[in-house]
Amino acid sequence: MGMMSLRLPDELTRQLDALAAATGRTKSFLAGQAIRDYIDREAWQIAEIQQAISEADAGDFASDDEVNAISAKWKRNAG
């Protein structure tokens, strides 16, 4: 398991301390979970962007009819 050291603003440190006390978890566990969640979310977003770029490079775009249908749906739902 790797180890890392970082500096946090005082307010964030206080919030982390309070959360650790309230949950019975260590600050290290909470920080690791926050980093894991962030990386998972960012990796998902990057994968989606890369897929969209591949589709665009292949010329795979929505047709005018598809765009119009979605636009009409949003307009209906917006009231």
PDB file of N, CA and C in Angstrom:
ATOM      1  N   MET A   1       0.856  -1.177   0.000  1.00  0.00           N
ATOM      2  CA  MET A   1       0.000   0.000   0.000  1.00  0.00           C
ATOM      3  C   MET A   1       0.897   1.233   0.000  1.00  0.00           C
ATOM      4  N   GLY A   2       0.572   2.165  -0.871  1.00  0.00           N
ATOM      5  CA  GLY A   2       1.356   3.390  -0.965  1.00  0.00           C
ATOM      6  C   GLY A   2       1.027   4.366   0.152  1.00  0.00           C
ATOM      7  N   MET A   3       1.920   5.303   0.339  1.00  0.00           N
ATOM      8  CA  MET A   3       1.726   6.322   1.362  1.00  0.00           C
ATOM      9  C   MET A   3       1.926   7.683   0.710  1.00  0.00           C
ATOM     10  N   MET A   4       1.161   8.656   1.194  1.00  0.00           N
ATOM     11  CA  MET A   4       1.195   9.979   0.606  1.00  0.00           C
ATOM     12  C   MET A   4       0.986  11.004   1.712  1.00  0.00           C
ATOM     13  N   SER A   5       1.608  12.130   1.564  1.00  0.00           N
ATOM     14  CA  SER A   5       1.445  13.217   2.523  1.00  0.00           C
ATOM     15  C   SER A   5       0.930  14.432   1.775  1.00  0.00           C
ATOM     16  N   LEU A   6      -0.021  15.142   2.370  1.00  0.00           N
ATOM     17  CA  LEU A   6      -0.522  16.337   1.717  1.00  0.00           C
ATOM     18  C   LEU A   6      -0.908  17.387   2.740  1.00  0.00           C
ATOM     19  N   ARG A   7      -0.939  18.619   2.286  1.00  0.00           N
ATOM     20  CA  ARG A   7      -1.332  19.734   3.136  1.00  0.00           C
ATOM     21  C   ARG A   7      -2.771  20.101   2.809  1.00  0.00           C
ATOM     22  N   LEU A   8      -3.548  20.334   3.863  1.00  0.00           N
ATOM     23  CA  LEU A   8      -4.942  20.727   3.702  1.00  0.00           C
ATOM     24  C   LEU A   8      -5.172  22.058   4.394  1.00  0.00           C
ATOM     25  N   PRO A   9      -6.083  22.859   3.865  1.00  0.00           N
ATOM     26  CA  PRO A   9      -6.449  24.084   4.576  1.00  0.00           C
ATOM     27  C   PRO A   9      -7.003  23.730   5.964  1.00  0.00           C
ATOM     28  N   ASP A  10      -6.820  24.617   6.917  1.00  0.00           N
ATOM     29  CA  ASP A  10      -7.249  24.354   8.295  1.00  0.00           C
ATOM     30  C   ASP A  10      -8.724  23.977   8.377  1.00  0.00           C
ATOM     31  N   GLU A  11      -9.576  24.673   7.649  1.00  0.00           N
ATOM     32  CA  GLU A  11     -11.014  24.387   7.710  1.00  0.00           C
ATOM     33  C   GLU A  11     -11.315  22.983   7.214  1.00  0.00           C
ATOM     34  N   LEU A  12     -10.659  22.566   6.143  1.00  0.00           N
ATOM     35  CA  LEU A  12     -10.872  21.218   5.630  1.00  0.00           C
ATOM     36  C   LEU A  12     -10.366  20.178   6.629  1.00  0.00           C
ATOM     37  N   THR A  13      -9.267  20.465   7.281  1.00  0.00           N
ATOM     38  CA  THR A  13      -8.746  19.558   8.313  1.00  0.00           C
ATOM     39  C   THR A  13      -9.743  19.424   9.453  1.00  0.00           C
ATOM     40  N   ARG A  14     -10.328  20.536   9.882  1.00  0.00           N
ATOM     41  CA  ARG A  14     -11.331  20.483  10.949  1.00  0.00           C
ATOM     42  C   ARG A  14     -12.553  19.669  10.519  1.00  0.00           C
ATOM     43  N   GLN A  15     -12.978  19.855   9.288  1.00  0.00           N
ATOM     44  CA  GLN A  15     -14.130  19.095   8.782  1.00  0.00           C
ATOM     45  C   GLN A  15     -13.816  17.606   8.702  1.00  0.00           C
ATOM     46  N   LEU A  16     -12.618  17.286   8.276  1.00  0.00           N
ATOM     47  CA  LEU A  16     -12.205  15.886   8.203  1.00  0.00           C
ATOM     48  C   LEU A  16     -12.130  15.270   9.593  1.00  0.00           C
ATOM     49  N   ASP A  17     -11.583  16.014  10.545  1.00  0.00           N
ATOM     50  CA  ASP A  17     -11.528  15.551  11.941  1.00  0.00           C
ATOM     51  C   ASP A  17     -12.935  15.262  12.469  1.00  0.00           C
ATOM     52  N   ALA A  18     -13.855  16.187  12.208  1.00  0.00           N
ATOM     53  CA  ALA A  18     -15.228  16.034  12.702  1.00  0.00           C
ATOM     54  C   ALA A  18     -15.908  14.833  12.049  1.00  0.00           C
ATOM     55  N   LEU A  19     -15.708  14.657  10.753  1.00  0.00           N
ATOM     56  CA  LEU A  19     -16.318  13.529  10.060  1.00  0.00           C
ATOM     57  C   LEU A  19     -15.747  12.206  10.561  1.00  0.00           C
ATOM     58  N   ALA A  20     -14.449  12.169  10.786  1.00  0.00           N
ATOM     59  CA  ALA A  20     -13.820  10.951  11.303  1.00  0.00           C
ATOM     60  C   ALA A  20     -14.385  10.609  12.678  1.00  0.00           C
ATOM     61  N   ALA A  21     -14.522  11.606  13.527  1.00  0.00           N
ATOM     62  CA  ALA A  21     -15.073  11.364  14.864  1.00  0.00           C
ATOM     63  C   ALA A  21     -16.528  10.897  14.789  1.00  0.00           C
ATOM     64  N   ALA A  22     -17.304  11.504  13.916  1.00  0.00           N
ATOM     65  CA  ALA A  22     -18.727  11.173  13.807  1.00  0.00           C
ATOM     66  C   ALA A  22     -18.960   9.783  13.217  1.00  0.00           C
ATOM     67  N   THR A  23     -18.079   9.356  12.330  1.00  0.00           N
ATOM     68  CA  THR A  23     -18.284   8.070  11.649  1.00  0.00           C
ATOM     69  C   THR A  23     -17.485   6.925  12.259  1.00  0.00           C
ATOM     70  N   GLY A  24     -16.550   7.253  13.134  1.00  0.00           N
ATOM     71  CA  GLY A  24     -15.701   6.209  13.699  1.00  0.00           C
ATOM     72  C   GLY A  24     -14.675   5.685  12.711  1.00  0.00           C
ATOM     73  N   ARG A  25     -14.447   6.418  11.651  1.00  0.00           N
ATOM     74  CA  ARG A  25     -13.456   6.044  10.644  1.00  0.00           C
ATOM     75  C   ARG A  25     -12.200   6.884  10.845  1.00  0.00           C
ATOM     76  N   THR A  26     -11.103   6.423  10.295  1.00  0.00           N
ATOM     77  CA  THR A  26      -9.884   7.214  10.385  1.00  0.00           C
ATOM     78  C   THR A  26      -9.899   8.293   9.298  1.00  0.00           C
ATOM     79  N   LYS A  27      -9.133   9.342   9.548  1.00  0.00           N
ATOM     80  CA  LYS A  27      -9.002  10.382   8.525  1.00  0.00           C
ATOM     81  C   LYS A  27      -8.383   9.800   7.266  1.00  0.00           C
ATOM     82  N   SER A  28      -7.458   8.885   7.425  1.00  0.00           N
ATOM     83  CA  SER A  28      -6.813   8.248   6.276  1.00  0.00           C
ATOM     84  C   SER A  28      -7.836   7.477   5.446  1.00  0.00           C
ATOM     85  N   PHE A  29      -8.720   6.734   6.113  1.00  0.00           N
ATOM     86  CA  PHE A  29      -9.747   5.988   5.388  1.00  0.00           C
ATOM     87  C   PHE A  29     -10.644   6.947   4.615  1.00  0.00           C
ATOM     88  N   LEU A  30     -11.119   8.005   5.268  1.00  0.00           N
ATOM     89  CA  LEU A  30     -12.020   8.952   4.615  1.00  0.00           C
ATOM     90  C   LEU A  30     -11.347   9.649   3.443  1.00  0.00           C
ATOM     91  N   ALA A  31     -10.098  10.054   3.616  1.00  0.00           N
ATOM     92  CA  ALA A  31      -9.374  10.716   2.527  1.00  0.00           C
ATOM     93  C   ALA A  31      -9.160   9.747   1.368  1.00  0.00           C
ATOM     94  N   GLY A  32      -8.820   8.508   1.666  1.00  0.00           N
ATOM     95  CA  GLY A  32      -8.639   7.500   0.624  1.00  0.00           C
ATOM     96  C   GLY A  32      -9.931   7.245  -0.135  1.00  0.00           C
ATOM     97  N   GLN A  33     -11.054   7.190   0.598  1.00  0.00           N
ATOM     98  CA  GLN A  33     -12.348   6.973  -0.056  1.00  0.00           C
ATOM     99  C   GLN A  33     -12.710   8.159  -0.943  1.00  0.00           C
ATOM    100  N   ALA A  34     -12.437   9.370  -0.470  1.00  0.00           N
ATOM    101  CA  ALA A  34     -12.725  10.562  -1.272  1.00  0.00           C
ATOM    102  C   ALA A  34     -11.896  10.565  -2.556  1.00  0.00           C
ATOM    103  N   ILE A  35     -10.635  10.188  -2.443  1.00  0.00           N
ATOM    104  CA  ILE A  35      -9.774  10.134  -3.631  1.00  0.00           C
ATOM    105  C   ILE A  35     -10.256   9.041  -4.577  1.00  0.00           C
ATOM    106  N   ARG A  36     -10.638   7.886  -4.040  1.00  0.00           N
ATOM    107  CA  ARG A  36     -11.142   6.788  -4.867  1.00  0.00           C
ATOM    108  C   ARG A  36     -12.399   7.230  -5.630  1.00  0.00           C
ATOM    109  N   ASP A  37     -13.328   7.878  -4.932  1.00  0.00           N
ATOM    110  CA  ASP A  37     -14.557   8.351  -5.572  1.00  0.00           C
ATOM    111  C   ASP A  37     -14.245   9.358  -6.679  1.00  0.00           C
ATOM    112  N   TYR A  38     -13.319  10.261  -6.404  1.00  0.00           N
ATOM    113  CA  TYR A  38     -12.937  11.269  -7.396  1.00  0.00           C
ATOM    114  C   TYR A  38     -12.330  10.610  -8.633  1.00  0.00           C
ATOM    115  N   ILE A  39     -11.416   9.689  -8.423  1.00  0.00           N
ATOM    116  CA  ILE A  39     -10.747   9.028  -9.544  1.00  0.00           C
ATOM    117  C   ILE A  39     -11.748   8.213 -10.362  1.00  0.00           C
ATOM    118  N   ASP A  40     -12.649   7.498  -9.693  1.00  0.00           N
ATOM    119  CA  ASP A  40     -13.668   6.731 -10.411  1.00  0.00           C
ATOM    120  C   ASP A  40     -14.527   7.644 -11.283  1.00  0.00           C
ATOM    121  N   ARG A  41     -14.949   8.768 -10.726  1.00  0.00           N
ATOM    122  CA  ARG A  41     -15.798   9.704 -11.468  1.00  0.00           C
ATOM    123  C   ARG A  41     -15.044  10.315 -12.648  1.00  0.00           C
ATOM    124  N   GLU A  42     -13.814  10.713 -12.427  1.00  0.00           N
ATOM    125  CA  GLU A  42     -13.022  11.317 -13.497  1.00  0.00           C
ATOM    126  C   GLU A  42     -12.702  10.293 -14.585  1.00  0.00           C
ATOM    127  N   ALA A  43     -12.370   9.063 -14.191  1.00  0.00           N
ATOM    128  CA  ALA A  43     -12.063   8.019 -15.174  1.00  0.00           C
ATOM    129  C   ALA A  43     -13.287   7.729 -16.035  1.00  0.00           C
ATOM    130  N   TRP A  44     -14.479   7.693 -15.414  1.00  0.00           N
ATOM    131  CA  TRP A  44     -15.708   7.469 -16.174  1.00  0.00           C
ATOM    132  C   TRP A  44     -15.910   8.594 -17.184  1.00  0.00           C
ATOM    133  N   GLN A  45     -15.720   9.832 -16.729  1.00  0.00           N
ATOM    134  CA  GLN A  45     -15.936  10.978 -17.612  1.00  0.00           C
ATOM    135  C   GLN A  45     -14.944  10.964 -18.780  1.00  0.00           C
ATOM    136  N   ILE A  46     -13.700  10.673 -18.504  1.00  0.00           N
ATOM    137  CA  ILE A  46     -12.689  10.626 -19.564  1.00  0.00           C
ATOM    138  C   ILE A  46     -13.024   9.523 -20.563  1.00  0.00           C
ATOM    139  N   ALA A  47     -13.452   8.353 -20.078  1.00  0.00           N
ATOM    140  CA  ALA A  47     -13.822   7.261 -20.982  1.00  0.00           C
ATOM    141  C   ALA A  47     -14.996   7.669 -21.868  1.00  0.00           C
ATOM    142  N   GLU A  48     -15.975   8.354 -21.305  1.00  0.00           N
ATOM    143  CA  GLU A  48     -17.128   8.804 -22.096  1.00  0.00           C
ATOM    144  C   GLU A  48     -16.705   9.825 -23.151  1.00  0.00           C
ATOM    145  N   ILE A  49     -15.824  10.724 -22.789  1.00  0.00           N
ATOM    146  CA  ILE A  49     -15.335  11.728 -23.740  1.00  0.00           C
ATOM    147  C   ILE A  49     -14.557  11.050 -24.864  1.00  0.00           C
ATOM    148  N   GLN A  50     -13.693  10.097 -24.512  1.00  0.00           N
ATOM    149  CA  GLN A  50     -12.922   9.397 -25.529  1.00  0.00           C
ATOM    150  C   GLN A  50     -13.835   8.620 -26.480  1.00  0.00           C
ATOM    151  N   GLN A  51     -14.881   8.006 -25.938  1.00  0.00           N
ATOM    152  CA  GLN A  51     -15.834   7.285 -26.794  1.00  0.00           C
ATOM    153  C   GLN A  51     -16.544   8.262 -27.726  1.00  0.00           C
ATOM    154  N   ALA A  52     -16.949   9.418 -27.199  1.00  0.00           N
ATOM    155  CA  ALA A  52     -17.635  10.412 -28.031  1.00  0.00           C
ATOM    156  C   ALA A  52     -16.716  10.928 -29.140  1.00  0.00           C
ATOM    157  N   ILE A  53     -15.455  11.120 -28.822  1.00  0.00           N
ATOM    158  CA  ILE A  53     -14.499  11.564 -29.846  1.00  0.00           C
ATOM    159  C   ILE A  53     -14.352  10.502 -30.933  1.00  0.00           C
ATOM    160  N   SER A  54     -14.272   9.239 -30.521  1.00  0.00           N
ATOM    161  CA  SER A  54     -14.169   8.145 -31.505  1.00  0.00           C
ATOM    162  C   SER A  54     -15.400   8.109 -32.401  1.00  0.00           C
ATOM    163  N   GLU A  55     -16.577   8.289 -31.799  1.00  0.00           N
ATOM    164  CA  GLU A  55     -17.805   8.295 -32.588  1.00  0.00           C
ATOM    165  C   GLU A  55     -17.818   9.482 -33.558  1.00  0.00           C
ATOM    166  N   ALA A  56     -17.388  10.639 -33.085  1.00  0.00           N
ATOM    167  CA  ALA A  56     -17.353  11.818 -33.947  1.00  0.00           C
ATOM    168  C   ALA A  56     -16.352  11.623 -35.077  1.00  0.00           C
ATOM    169  N   ASP A  57     -15.187  11.068 -34.757  1.00  0.00           N
ATOM    170  CA  ASP A  57     -14.181  10.808 -35.799  1.00  0.00           C
ATOM    171  C   ASP A  57     -14.710   9.847 -36.858  1.00  0.00           C
ATOM    172  N   ALA A  58     -15.606   8.934 -36.434  1.00  0.00           N
ATOM    173  CA  ALA A  58     -16.184   7.968 -37.368  1.00  0.00           C
ATOM    174  C   ALA A  58     -17.400   8.546 -38.098  1.00  0.00           C
ATOM    175  N   GLY A  59     -17.748   9.796 -37.782  1.00  0.00           N
ATOM    176  CA  GLY A  59     -18.887  10.431 -38.436  1.00  0.00           C
ATOM    177  C   GLY A  59     -20.229   9.986 -37.891  1.00  0.00           C
ATOM    178  N   ASP A  60     -20.220   9.415 -36.699  1.00  0.00           N
ATOM    179  CA  ASP A  60     -21.446   8.900 -36.080  1.00  0.00           C
ATOM    180  C   ASP A  60     -22.132  10.017 -35.296  1.00  0.00           C
ATOM    181  N   PHE A  61     -22.956  10.787 -36.003  1.00  0.00           N
ATOM    182  CA  PHE A  61     -23.676  11.904 -35.393  1.00  0.00           C
ATOM    183  C   PHE A  61     -25.169  11.624 -35.417  1.00  0.00           C
ATOM    184  N   ALA A  62     -25.905  12.301 -34.547  1.00  0.00           N
ATOM    185  CA  ALA A  62     -27.365  12.197 -34.566  1.00  0.00           C
ATOM    186  C   ALA A  62     -27.890  12.851 -35.836  1.00  0.00           C
ATOM    187  N   SER A  63     -28.944  12.253 -36.375  1.00  0.00           N
ATOM    188  CA  SER A  63     -29.571  12.830 -37.566  1.00  0.00           C
ATOM    189  C   SER A  63     -30.405  14.046 -37.161  1.00  0.00           C
ATOM    190  N   ASP A  64     -30.793  14.840 -38.127  1.00  0.00           N
ATOM    191  CA  ASP A  64     -31.648  15.997 -37.843  1.00  0.00           C
ATOM    192  C   ASP A  64     -32.955  15.551 -37.190  1.00  0.00           C
ATOM    193  N   ASP A  65     -33.514  14.432 -37.661  1.00  0.00           N
ATOM    194  CA  ASP A  65     -34.761  13.932 -37.089  1.00  0.00           C
ATOM    195  C   ASP A  65     -34.585  13.531 -35.625  1.00  0.00           C
ATOM    196  N   GLU A  66     -33.460  12.882 -35.302  1.00  0.00           N
ATOM    197  CA  GLU A  66     -33.200  12.488 -33.906  1.00  0.00           C
ATOM    198  C   GLU A  66     -33.051  13.712 -33.016  1.00  0.00           C
ATOM    199  N   VAL A  67     -32.334  14.709 -33.484  1.00  0.00           N
ATOM    200  CA  VAL A  67     -32.149  15.938 -32.705  1.00  0.00           C
ATOM    201  C   VAL A  67     -33.483  16.647 -32.507  1.00  0.00           C
ATOM    202  N   ASN A  68     -34.274  16.725 -33.542  1.00  0.00           N
ATOM    203  CA  ASN A  68     -35.577  17.373 -33.441  1.00  0.00           C
ATOM    204  C   ASN A  68     -36.504  16.632 -32.482  1.00  0.00           C
ATOM    205  N   ALA A  69     -36.470  15.308 -32.494  1.00  0.00           N
ATOM    206  CA  ALA A  69     -37.304  14.516 -31.591  1.00  0.00           C
ATOM    207  C   ALA A  69     -36.913  14.758 -30.140  1.00  0.00           C
ATOM    208  N   ILE A  70     -35.640  14.799 -29.858  1.00  0.00           N
ATOM    209  CA  ILE A  70     -35.179  15.044 -28.484  1.00  0.00           C
ATOM    210  C   ILE A  70     -35.521  16.468 -28.066  1.00  0.00           C
ATOM    211  N   SER A  71     -35.348  17.410 -28.962  1.00  0.00           N
ATOM    212  CA  SER A  71     -35.675  18.799 -28.671  1.00  0.00           C
ATOM    213  C   SER A  71     -37.164  18.945 -28.353  1.00  0.00           C
ATOM    214  N   ALA A  72     -38.000  18.287 -29.140  1.00  0.00           N
ATOM    215  CA  ALA A  72     -39.444  18.349 -28.901  1.00  0.00           C
ATOM    216  C   ALA A  72     -39.800  17.728 -27.557  1.00  0.00           C
ATOM    217  N   LYS A  73     -39.152  16.640 -27.216  1.00  0.00           N
ATOM    218  CA  LYS A  73     -39.400  15.986 -25.922  1.00  0.00           C
ATOM    219  C   LYS A  73     -39.064  16.933 -24.772  1.00  0.00           C
ATOM    220  N   TRP A  74     -37.909  17.590 -24.847  1.00  0.00           N
ATOM    221  CA  TRP A  74     -37.497  18.510 -23.775  1.00  0.00           C
ATOM    222  C   TRP A  74     -38.456  19.692 -23.674  1.00  0.00           C
ATOM    223  N   LYS A  75     -38.914  20.173 -24.827  1.00  0.00           N
ATOM    224  CA  LYS A  75     -39.858  21.297 -24.816  1.00  0.00           C
ATOM    225  C   LYS A  75     -41.181  20.889 -24.177  1.00  0.00           C
ATOM    226  N   ARG A  76     -41.655  19.673 -24.481  1.00  0.00           N
ATOM    227  CA  ARG A  76     -42.892  19.178 -23.868  1.00  0.00           C
ATOM    228  C   ARG A  76     -42.736  19.037 -22.361  1.00  0.00           C
ATOM    229  N   ASN A  77     -41.623  18.486 -21.921  1.00  0.00           N
ATOM    230  CA  ASN A  77     -41.392  18.262 -20.499  1.00  0.00           C
ATOM    231  C   ASN A  77     -41.131  19.553 -19.723  1.00  0.00           C
ATOM    232  N   ALA A  78     -40.695  20.585 -20.421  1.00  0.00           N
ATOM    233  CA  ALA A  78     -40.418  21.861 -19.758  1.00  0.00           C
ATOM    234  C   ALA A  78     -41.714  22.625 -19.470  1.00  0.00           C
ATOM    235  N   GLY A  79     -42.786  22.206 -20.110  1.00  0.00           N
ATOM    236  CA  GLY A  79     -44.085  22.814 -19.849  1.00  0.00           C
ATOM    237  C   GLY A  79     -44.282  24.011 -20.667  1.00  0.00           C
TER     238      GLY A  79
END
